N, C-alpha and C. Protein backbone atom coordinates (compact mmCIF):
# COMPACT_ATOMS: atom_id res chain seq x y z
N MET A 1 0.89 -1.53 -0.05
CA MET A 1 0.16 0.04 -0.20
C MET A 1 0.85 1.22 0.00
N ILE A 2 0.50 2.28 -0.77
CA ILE A 2 1.08 3.48 -0.70
C ILE A 2 0.90 4.79 0.12
N ARG A 3 1.60 5.20 0.65
CA ARG A 3 1.16 6.08 1.87
C ARG A 3 1.34 7.43 1.50
N PRO A 4 0.86 8.62 1.39
CA PRO A 4 1.42 9.75 0.95
C PRO A 4 1.97 10.24 2.14
N SER A 5 3.01 10.79 1.48
CA SER A 5 4.01 11.06 2.53
C SER A 5 3.87 12.59 3.27
N GLU A 6 4.19 12.34 4.52
CA GLU A 6 2.92 13.86 5.53
C GLU A 6 3.42 15.01 4.69
N ALA A 7 4.46 15.14 4.05
CA ALA A 7 4.40 17.10 3.42
C ALA A 7 3.47 17.10 2.14
N ASP A 8 3.04 15.87 1.43
CA ASP A 8 1.76 15.71 1.02
C ASP A 8 0.39 15.72 1.32
N ARG A 9 0.01 15.41 2.48
CA ARG A 9 -1.30 15.27 3.42
C ARG A 9 -1.13 16.58 3.74
N GLY A 10 -0.29 17.64 4.20
CA GLY A 10 -0.17 19.14 4.84
C GLY A 10 -0.66 19.77 4.10
N THR A 11 -0.26 20.09 2.52
CA THR A 11 -0.50 20.57 1.29
C THR A 11 -2.12 20.65 0.93
N ASP A 12 -2.74 19.38 0.70
CA ASP A 12 -4.07 19.20 0.35
C ASP A 12 -4.80 19.76 1.37
N ARG A 13 -4.45 19.43 2.25
CA ARG A 13 -5.22 19.80 3.78
C ARG A 13 -5.69 21.60 3.63
N GLY A 14 -4.00 22.20 3.20
CA GLY A 14 -4.48 23.61 3.44
C GLY A 14 -5.26 23.90 1.98
N GLN A 15 -4.86 23.44 0.91
CA GLN A 15 -6.06 23.76 0.39
C GLN A 15 -7.83 23.68 0.09
N ALA A 16 -7.62 22.44 0.93
CA ALA A 16 -9.15 21.77 1.40
C ALA A 16 -9.90 23.59 2.35
N VAL A 17 -8.99 23.49 3.15
CA VAL A 17 -10.00 24.34 3.95
C VAL A 17 -9.93 26.09 3.47
N THR A 18 -8.98 26.42 2.72
CA THR A 18 -9.45 27.86 1.87
C THR A 18 -10.07 27.24 0.90
N LEU A 19 -10.32 26.26 0.25
CA LEU A 19 -11.34 25.96 -1.16
C LEU A 19 -12.74 26.57 0.25
N ASN A 20 -13.16 25.60 0.89
CA ASN A 20 -13.94 25.29 2.29
C ASN A 20 -14.55 27.11 2.34
N TYR A 21 -13.22 27.58 3.02
CA TYR A 21 -13.76 29.06 3.54
C TYR A 21 -14.22 29.93 2.25
N THR A 22 -13.86 30.09 1.00
CA THR A 22 -13.97 30.54 -0.08
C THR A 22 -15.05 30.30 -0.81
N ILE A 23 -15.52 28.75 -0.52
CA ILE A 23 -17.07 28.86 -0.86
C ILE A 23 -18.36 28.96 -0.09
N GLY A 24 -17.76 28.90 1.29
CA GLY A 24 -18.37 29.10 2.06
C GLY A 24 -18.92 30.88 2.21
N ILE A 25 -17.90 31.78 1.79
CA ILE A 25 -17.68 33.19 1.48
C ILE A 25 -18.96 33.09 0.78
N ALA A 26 -19.04 32.74 -0.38
CA ALA A 26 -19.40 32.64 -1.89
C ALA A 26 -21.00 32.40 -1.61
N ILE A 27 -21.74 31.47 -0.84
CA ILE A 27 -22.64 30.83 -0.33
C ILE A 27 -22.92 32.17 0.22
N ALA A 28 -22.76 32.20 1.49
CA ALA A 28 -23.30 33.48 2.65
C ALA A 28 -23.34 34.80 1.38
N THR A 29 -22.45 35.11 0.82
CA THR A 29 -22.46 36.38 0.32
C THR A 29 -24.14 36.14 -0.75
N VAL A 30 -24.13 35.09 -1.45
CA VAL A 30 -25.58 34.78 -2.42
C VAL A 30 -26.18 34.64 -1.25
N LEU A 31 -26.84 34.25 -0.35
CA LEU A 31 -27.80 34.55 0.56
C LEU A 31 -28.19 35.73 1.30
N VAL A 32 -27.05 36.33 1.29
CA VAL A 32 -27.55 37.70 2.20
C VAL A 32 -28.19 38.54 1.00
N THR A 33 -26.94 38.56 -0.15
CA THR A 33 -27.94 39.13 -1.04
C THR A 33 -29.12 39.21 -1.62
N GLY A 34 -29.51 37.43 -1.94
CA GLY A 34 -31.30 37.18 -1.97
C GLY A 34 -32.21 38.34 -0.94
N LEU A 35 -31.86 37.86 0.20
CA LEU A 35 -32.30 38.55 1.03
C LEU A 35 -32.62 39.77 1.00
N LEU A 36 -31.37 40.52 0.95
CA LEU A 36 -31.96 42.05 0.54
C LEU A 36 -32.69 42.14 -0.76
N ILE A 37 -32.55 41.51 -1.52
CA ILE A 37 -33.35 41.84 -3.09
C ILE A 37 -34.69 41.58 -2.18
N ALA A 38 -34.87 40.66 -1.30
CA ALA A 38 -36.36 40.16 -1.73
C ALA A 38 -37.06 41.61 -0.31
N GLY A 39 -36.08 41.44 0.77
CA GLY A 39 -36.67 42.27 1.70
C GLY A 39 -36.88 44.40 1.31
N SER A 40 -36.07 44.06 -0.25
CA SER A 40 -36.34 45.42 -0.78
C SER A 40 -37.29 45.43 -1.35
N SER A 41 -37.81 44.38 -2.06
CA SER A 41 -38.71 43.81 -2.64
C SER A 41 -40.14 44.39 -1.82
N PHE A 42 -40.42 43.34 -0.64
CA PHE A 42 -41.28 43.66 0.60
C PHE A 42 -41.66 44.98 0.65
N VAL A 43 -40.77 45.69 1.04
CA VAL A 43 -40.37 47.03 1.69
C VAL A 43 -41.11 48.24 0.51
N GLY A 44 -40.71 48.08 -0.69
CA GLY A 44 -41.54 48.56 -1.99
C GLY A 44 -42.41 48.45 -1.52
N ASP A 45 -43.52 46.87 -1.86
CA ASP A 45 -44.70 46.38 -2.14
C ASP A 45 -45.49 47.27 -0.81
N GLN A 46 -44.91 47.68 0.57
CA GLN A 46 -45.88 48.10 1.36
C GLN A 46 -46.29 49.69 0.90
N GLN A 47 -44.67 49.95 0.65
CA GLN A 47 -44.70 51.26 0.55
C GLN A 47 -45.87 51.44 -0.37
N GLU A 48 -46.38 51.21 -1.24
CA GLU A 48 -46.94 50.91 -2.84
C GLU A 48 -48.73 51.01 -1.91
N LYS A 49 -48.65 50.05 -1.31
CA LYS A 49 -50.15 49.54 -0.29
C LYS A 49 -50.54 51.19 0.39
N ALA A 50 -49.37 51.15 1.32
CA ALA A 50 -49.64 52.78 2.18
C ALA A 50 -50.18 54.05 1.53
N VAL A 51 -49.43 54.20 0.37
CA VAL A 51 -49.37 55.40 -0.43
C VAL A 51 -51.02 54.88 -1.38
N ARG A 52 -51.62 53.70 -1.55
CA ARG A 52 -52.62 53.76 -2.22
C ARG A 52 -53.37 54.02 -1.19
N SER A 53 -53.59 53.59 0.46
CA SER A 53 -54.38 53.93 1.35
C SER A 53 -54.70 54.59 1.52
N GLU A 54 -53.45 55.72 1.45
CA GLU A 54 -53.57 56.76 2.42
C GLU A 54 -54.19 58.10 0.81
N LEU A 55 -54.19 57.50 -0.45
CA LEU A 55 -54.78 58.40 -1.48
C LEU A 55 -56.47 58.17 -1.33
N ARG A 56 -56.41 56.89 -1.38
CA ARG A 56 -57.92 56.67 -1.03
C ARG A 56 -58.69 57.17 0.17
N VAL A 57 -58.09 57.33 1.45
CA VAL A 57 -58.59 57.99 2.52
C VAL A 57 -58.41 59.41 2.00
N ILE A 58 -57.49 60.40 1.78
CA ILE A 58 -57.37 61.95 0.92
C ILE A 58 -58.56 62.24 0.02
N GLY A 59 -58.52 61.32 -1.10
CA GLY A 59 -59.76 61.42 -2.03
C GLY A 59 -61.21 61.43 -1.58
N GLN A 60 -61.17 60.35 -0.48
CA GLN A 60 -62.79 60.35 0.06
C GLN A 60 -63.26 61.94 0.55
N GLN A 61 -62.20 61.97 1.52
CA GLN A 61 -62.35 63.51 2.45
C GLN A 61 -62.08 64.66 1.35
N THR A 62 -61.68 64.76 -0.09
CA THR A 62 -61.69 65.85 -0.92
C THR A 62 -63.28 65.51 -1.29
N ALA A 63 -63.59 63.99 -2.00
CA ALA A 63 -64.89 64.22 -2.05
C ALA A 63 -66.11 64.84 -1.30
N ALA A 64 -65.75 64.47 -0.05
CA ALA A 64 -66.59 64.72 0.81
C ALA A 64 -66.43 66.39 0.75
N SER A 65 -65.40 67.24 1.26
CA SER A 65 -65.76 68.54 0.96
C SER A 65 -66.58 68.89 -0.09
N LEU A 66 -66.37 68.19 -1.65
CA LEU A 66 -66.80 69.01 -2.96
C LEU A 66 -68.67 68.63 -2.67
N GLU A 67 -68.65 67.48 -1.99
CA GLU A 67 -70.29 67.16 -2.13
C GLU A 67 -70.61 68.09 -0.72
N THR A 68 -70.05 68.49 -0.06
CA THR A 68 -70.87 69.69 1.09
C THR A 68 -70.77 71.15 0.20
N THR A 69 -69.66 71.37 -0.56
CA THR A 69 -69.72 72.92 -1.44
C THR A 69 -70.87 72.49 -2.09
N ASP A 70 -71.16 71.28 -2.66
CA ASP A 70 -72.28 71.44 -3.86
C ASP A 70 -73.78 71.62 -3.15
N ARG A 71 -73.42 70.86 -1.66
CA ARG A 71 -74.75 71.36 -1.03
C ARG A 71 -75.10 72.48 -0.99
N LEU A 72 -74.10 73.15 0.06
CA LEU A 72 -74.32 74.89 0.12
C LEU A 72 -74.39 75.35 -0.89
N ALA A 73 -74.01 75.44 -2.44
CA ALA A 73 -74.32 75.85 -3.23
C ALA A 73 -75.62 75.66 -3.61
N ASN A 74 -76.49 74.80 -3.30
CA ASN A 74 -77.45 74.75 -3.84
C ASN A 74 -78.48 75.37 -2.36
N THR A 75 -78.27 75.61 -1.77
CA THR A 75 -79.18 76.72 -0.56
C THR A 75 -78.40 77.87 -0.66
N THR A 76 -77.72 78.55 -1.33
CA THR A 76 -77.43 80.03 -1.28
C THR A 76 -78.76 80.37 -2.73
N GLU A 77 -78.44 81.58 -2.49
CA GLU A 77 -79.77 82.61 -3.24
C GLU A 77 -78.41 82.57 -4.77
N ALA A 78 -79.07 82.53 -5.90
CA ALA A 78 -78.45 83.00 -6.89
C ALA A 78 -77.27 84.52 -7.31
N GLY A 79 -75.88 83.49 -7.76
CA GLY A 79 -74.98 84.43 -7.89
C GLY A 79 -74.29 84.92 -6.54
N ASN A 80 -74.71 84.15 -5.59
CA ASN A 80 -74.06 84.17 -4.26
C ASN A 80 -72.51 82.80 -4.47
N THR A 81 -71.52 82.93 -4.24
CA THR A 81 -70.39 82.26 -3.74
C THR A 81 -70.21 81.57 -2.44
N VAL A 82 -69.81 80.58 -2.65
CA VAL A 82 -69.37 79.41 -1.55
C VAL A 82 -67.59 79.10 -1.51
N ARG A 83 -67.26 79.22 -0.51
CA ARG A 83 -65.75 78.71 -0.05
C ARG A 83 -65.46 78.20 1.05
N LEU A 84 -65.21 76.81 0.67
CA LEU A 84 -65.06 76.06 1.81
C LEU A 84 -63.46 75.49 1.71
N GLU A 85 -62.63 75.34 2.74
CA GLU A 85 -61.00 75.18 2.66
C GLU A 85 -61.03 74.14 3.88
N ARG A 86 -59.70 73.03 3.66
CA ARG A 86 -59.78 71.92 4.05
C ARG A 86 -58.42 71.86 3.80
N GLN A 87 -57.64 71.33 5.34
CA GLN A 87 -56.14 71.00 4.96
C GLN A 87 -55.91 69.68 4.88
N LEU A 88 -55.41 69.21 3.82
CA LEU A 88 -55.11 67.92 3.43
C LEU A 88 -53.37 67.56 3.66
N PRO A 89 -53.01 66.44 3.57
CA PRO A 89 -51.36 66.31 4.38
C PRO A 89 -50.83 67.09 2.57
N THR A 90 -49.60 67.16 2.97
CA THR A 90 -48.81 67.59 1.69
C THR A 90 -48.02 66.68 0.76
N ASN A 91 -47.48 65.34 1.78
CA ASN A 91 -47.55 64.45 1.22
C ASN A 91 -47.98 63.06 1.66
N VAL A 92 -47.79 62.14 1.18
CA VAL A 92 -48.49 60.94 1.41
C VAL A 92 -47.25 59.28 1.27
N ALA A 93 -46.53 59.41 2.65
CA ALA A 93 -45.98 58.30 2.92
C ALA A 93 -44.52 58.88 2.10
N GLY A 94 -44.19 60.12 2.36
CA GLY A 94 -42.77 60.58 1.68
C GLY A 94 -42.98 61.33 0.08
N THR A 95 -44.16 61.26 -0.49
CA THR A 95 -43.79 61.75 -1.93
C THR A 95 -45.22 62.23 -1.88
N ALA A 96 -44.49 63.43 -2.90
CA ALA A 96 -46.30 64.48 -3.31
C ALA A 96 -46.92 63.92 -3.98
N TYR A 97 -48.28 64.61 -3.65
CA TYR A 97 -49.18 63.87 -5.35
C TYR A 97 -50.01 65.21 -5.45
N ASN A 98 -50.87 64.98 -6.71
CA ASN A 98 -51.39 65.62 -6.63
C ASN A 98 -53.43 65.30 -7.11
N ILE A 99 -54.36 66.25 -6.55
CA ILE A 99 -55.56 65.41 -6.91
C ILE A 99 -55.99 66.09 -8.61
N GLU A 100 -56.81 65.97 -9.55
CA GLU A 100 -57.55 66.00 -10.44
C GLU A 100 -58.80 65.66 -10.58
N LEU A 101 -59.41 67.42 -10.56
CA LEU A 101 -60.92 67.10 -10.57
C LEU A 101 -61.87 67.27 -12.09
N VAL A 102 -62.20 65.81 -12.62
CA VAL A 102 -62.14 65.65 -13.76
C VAL A 102 -64.08 65.91 -14.10
N SER A 103 -64.49 66.94 -14.52
CA SER A 103 -65.44 67.13 -14.98
C SER A 103 -66.20 66.02 -16.38
N ALA A 104 -67.08 65.54 -16.06
CA ALA A 104 -67.47 64.91 -16.94
C ALA A 104 -69.16 64.56 -16.40
N GLU A 105 -70.27 63.26 -17.02
CA GLU A 105 -71.64 62.96 -16.54
C GLU A 105 -71.83 63.17 -15.35
N ASN A 106 -70.56 61.64 -14.58
CA ASN A 106 -70.60 61.69 -13.16
C ASN A 106 -69.01 62.35 -13.55
N PRO A 107 -68.86 63.22 -12.29
CA PRO A 107 -67.72 63.96 -11.85
C PRO A 107 -66.82 62.60 -11.21
N TYR A 108 -65.34 62.48 -11.09
CA TYR A 108 -64.82 62.11 -10.07
C TYR A 108 -63.29 62.88 -10.11
N LEU A 109 -62.30 62.25 -9.24
CA LEU A 109 -61.26 62.64 -8.77
C LEU A 109 -60.03 61.40 -8.99
N VAL A 110 -58.98 62.04 -9.77
CA VAL A 110 -57.67 61.26 -9.85
C VAL A 110 -56.55 61.93 -8.75
N LEU A 111 -56.23 61.04 -7.80
CA LEU A 111 -55.08 61.28 -6.98
C LEU A 111 -53.95 60.41 -7.55
N ARG A 112 -52.89 61.12 -8.00
CA ARG A 112 -51.33 60.51 -8.50
C ARG A 112 -50.28 60.64 -7.73
N THR A 113 -49.65 59.89 -7.56
CA THR A 113 -47.70 60.21 -7.53
C THR A 113 -47.25 59.76 -8.23
N ASP A 114 -45.89 60.51 -8.23
CA ASP A 114 -44.81 59.70 -9.31
C ASP A 114 -44.24 59.04 -8.70
N ASN A 115 -43.53 59.11 -7.26
CA ASN A 115 -42.74 57.90 -6.74
C ASN A 115 -43.46 57.21 -5.47
N PRO A 116 -43.97 56.01 -5.37
CA PRO A 116 -44.30 55.00 -6.89
C PRO A 116 -45.52 55.88 -7.53
N GLU A 117 -45.94 55.30 -8.79
CA GLU A 117 -46.43 55.43 -9.88
C GLU A 117 -47.53 55.03 -9.60
N LEU A 118 -48.66 55.88 -9.00
CA LEU A 118 -49.99 55.38 -8.57
C LEU A 118 -50.91 56.58 -8.97
N GLU A 119 -51.86 55.84 -9.39
CA GLU A 119 -53.32 56.28 -9.59
C GLU A 119 -54.55 55.83 -9.02
N VAL A 120 -55.24 56.79 -8.18
CA VAL A 120 -56.35 56.41 -7.44
C VAL A 120 -57.41 57.63 -7.54
N ARG A 121 -58.63 56.51 -8.36
CA ARG A 121 -59.98 57.23 -8.84
C ARG A 121 -60.41 57.00 -7.33
N VAL A 122 -61.79 58.29 -7.10
CA VAL A 122 -62.80 58.48 -6.14
C VAL A 122 -63.57 59.26 -6.98
N ASP A 123 -65.05 58.90 -6.84
CA ASP A 123 -66.19 59.08 -7.63
C ASP A 123 -67.11 59.84 -6.32
N PHE A 124 -67.78 60.81 -7.00
CA PHE A 124 -68.66 61.48 -5.81
C PHE A 124 -69.72 62.21 -6.83
N ALA A 125 -71.01 62.41 -5.65
CA ALA A 125 -72.20 62.77 -5.91
C ALA A 125 -72.30 64.16 -6.22
N ASN A 126 -72.75 64.94 -7.42
CA ASN A 126 -72.94 66.33 -7.55
C ASN A 126 -74.27 66.64 -8.27
N ARG A 127 -74.86 67.58 -7.47
CA ARG A 127 -75.73 68.18 -8.90
C ARG A 127 -74.99 69.53 -9.59
N THR A 128 -73.93 70.02 -9.39
CA THR A 128 -73.41 70.87 -9.41
C THR A 128 -72.40 70.77 -10.70
N LYS A 129 -72.44 71.38 -11.53
CA LYS A 129 -71.44 71.16 -12.81
C LYS A 129 -70.17 71.86 -12.09
N VAL A 130 -69.15 70.78 -12.23
CA VAL A 130 -67.65 71.26 -11.79
C VAL A 130 -67.00 71.86 -12.75
N THR A 131 -65.97 72.37 -12.71
CA THR A 131 -65.03 73.10 -13.43
C THR A 131 -63.73 71.96 -13.24
N GLU A 132 -62.96 71.34 -14.57
CA GLU A 132 -61.85 70.95 -14.27
C GLU A 132 -60.69 71.56 -13.19
N SER A 133 -60.05 71.10 -12.83
CA SER A 133 -58.79 71.99 -12.04
C SER A 133 -57.89 70.87 -11.47
N THR A 134 -56.60 71.00 -11.57
CA THR A 134 -55.58 70.12 -10.69
C THR A 134 -55.03 70.77 -9.34
N VAL A 135 -54.72 70.30 -8.44
CA VAL A 135 -54.08 70.76 -7.39
C VAL A 135 -53.48 70.01 -6.71
N ASP A 136 -52.18 70.82 -6.12
CA ASP A 136 -51.02 69.84 -5.50
C ASP A 136 -51.68 69.57 -4.20
N GLY A 137 -51.11 68.60 -3.07
CA GLY A 137 -51.60 68.44 -1.67
C GLY A 137 -51.39 69.45 -0.81
N GLY A 138 -52.03 69.62 0.01
CA GLY A 138 -51.68 70.39 1.24
C GLY A 138 -53.35 71.29 1.63
N THR A 139 -53.37 72.72 1.92
CA THR A 139 -54.92 73.28 2.51
C THR A 139 -55.03 73.77 0.88
N VAL A 140 -56.34 73.29 0.69
CA VAL A 140 -57.00 73.49 -0.77
C VAL A 140 -58.57 74.16 -0.55
N ALA A 141 -59.21 74.90 -1.39
CA ALA A 141 -60.32 75.65 -1.31
C ALA A 141 -60.95 74.69 -2.15
N PHE A 142 -62.52 74.72 -2.03
CA PHE A 142 -63.91 74.11 -2.61
C PHE A 142 -64.18 75.30 -2.78
N ARG A 143 -64.70 75.89 -4.19
CA ARG A 143 -65.36 77.20 -4.55
C ARG A 143 -66.36 76.85 -5.32
N TYR A 144 -67.35 77.17 -4.95
CA TYR A 144 -68.69 77.46 -6.13
C TYR A 144 -68.67 79.07 -6.26
N ARG A 145 -68.58 78.88 -8.01
CA ARG A 145 -68.41 80.70 -8.47
C ARG A 145 -69.81 81.04 -8.80
N SER A 146 -69.82 82.46 -8.91
CA SER A 146 -71.06 82.87 -9.35
C SER A 146 -71.66 82.42 -10.81
N ASP A 147 -70.65 81.46 -11.57
CA ASP A 147 -71.36 80.96 -12.85
C ASP A 147 -72.13 80.03 -12.78
N GLY A 148 -71.69 79.42 -11.02
CA GLY A 148 -72.59 78.42 -11.06
C GLY A 148 -72.39 77.10 -10.96
N THR A 149 -70.61 77.21 -11.13
CA THR A 149 -69.91 75.95 -10.76
C THR A 149 -69.05 75.45 -9.87
N VAL A 150 -68.75 74.46 -9.71
CA VAL A 150 -67.73 73.83 -8.56
C VAL A 150 -66.30 73.85 -8.57
N THR A 151 -65.21 73.62 -8.48
CA THR A 151 -63.92 74.21 -8.58
C THR A 151 -63.08 73.62 -7.21
N ILE A 152 -61.83 73.26 -7.23
CA ILE A 152 -61.10 73.40 -6.49
C ILE A 152 -59.67 73.76 -7.01
N VAL A 153 -59.03 74.33 -5.63
CA VAL A 153 -58.01 75.65 -5.58
C VAL A 153 -57.17 75.65 -4.83
N GLU A 154 -55.59 75.31 -5.17
CA GLU A 154 -54.92 75.73 -4.03
C GLU A 154 -55.27 77.03 -2.87
N ALA A 155 -55.55 76.83 -1.57
CA ALA A 155 -55.88 78.02 -0.49
C ALA A 155 -54.72 78.97 -0.80
N ASP A 156 -55.12 80.10 -0.76
CA ASP A 156 -54.36 81.02 -0.46
C ASP A 156 -53.30 80.97 0.68
N THR A 157 -52.62 80.99 1.18
CA THR A 157 -51.82 81.08 2.44
C THR A 157 -51.43 82.50 3.11
């Protein structure tokens, strides 16, 4: 039987330890990278859900204010105006947004953000004709104008 010399055994063993260490580091790196990618995807999804939820709530508050303005407008005498201010958040989950009032047979609101790119539509009931407009988040004013239309504008600060 041929036995490897003591010198050969030491050399082979040293390479195996180094190779095992390198492979272990590589596997650990791949696992950590996978966890980071999965974690960032999870955080991004959660942020998108939070933004969408906040936009829905803000949209419902805005719609309620438009409906209130509409009701007040229908109780005023011809030629009078109505102005109602509402303080809304300036951003949602750290990102700016805007509110678009869309004039249609059944008017609606569209709330948008750029990062993440989201759009939420909120319908509302209105008897008074609306004028299309777009405002950024923050303090906004709902106006019934003497021409018989309701609009939304950025409030004067």
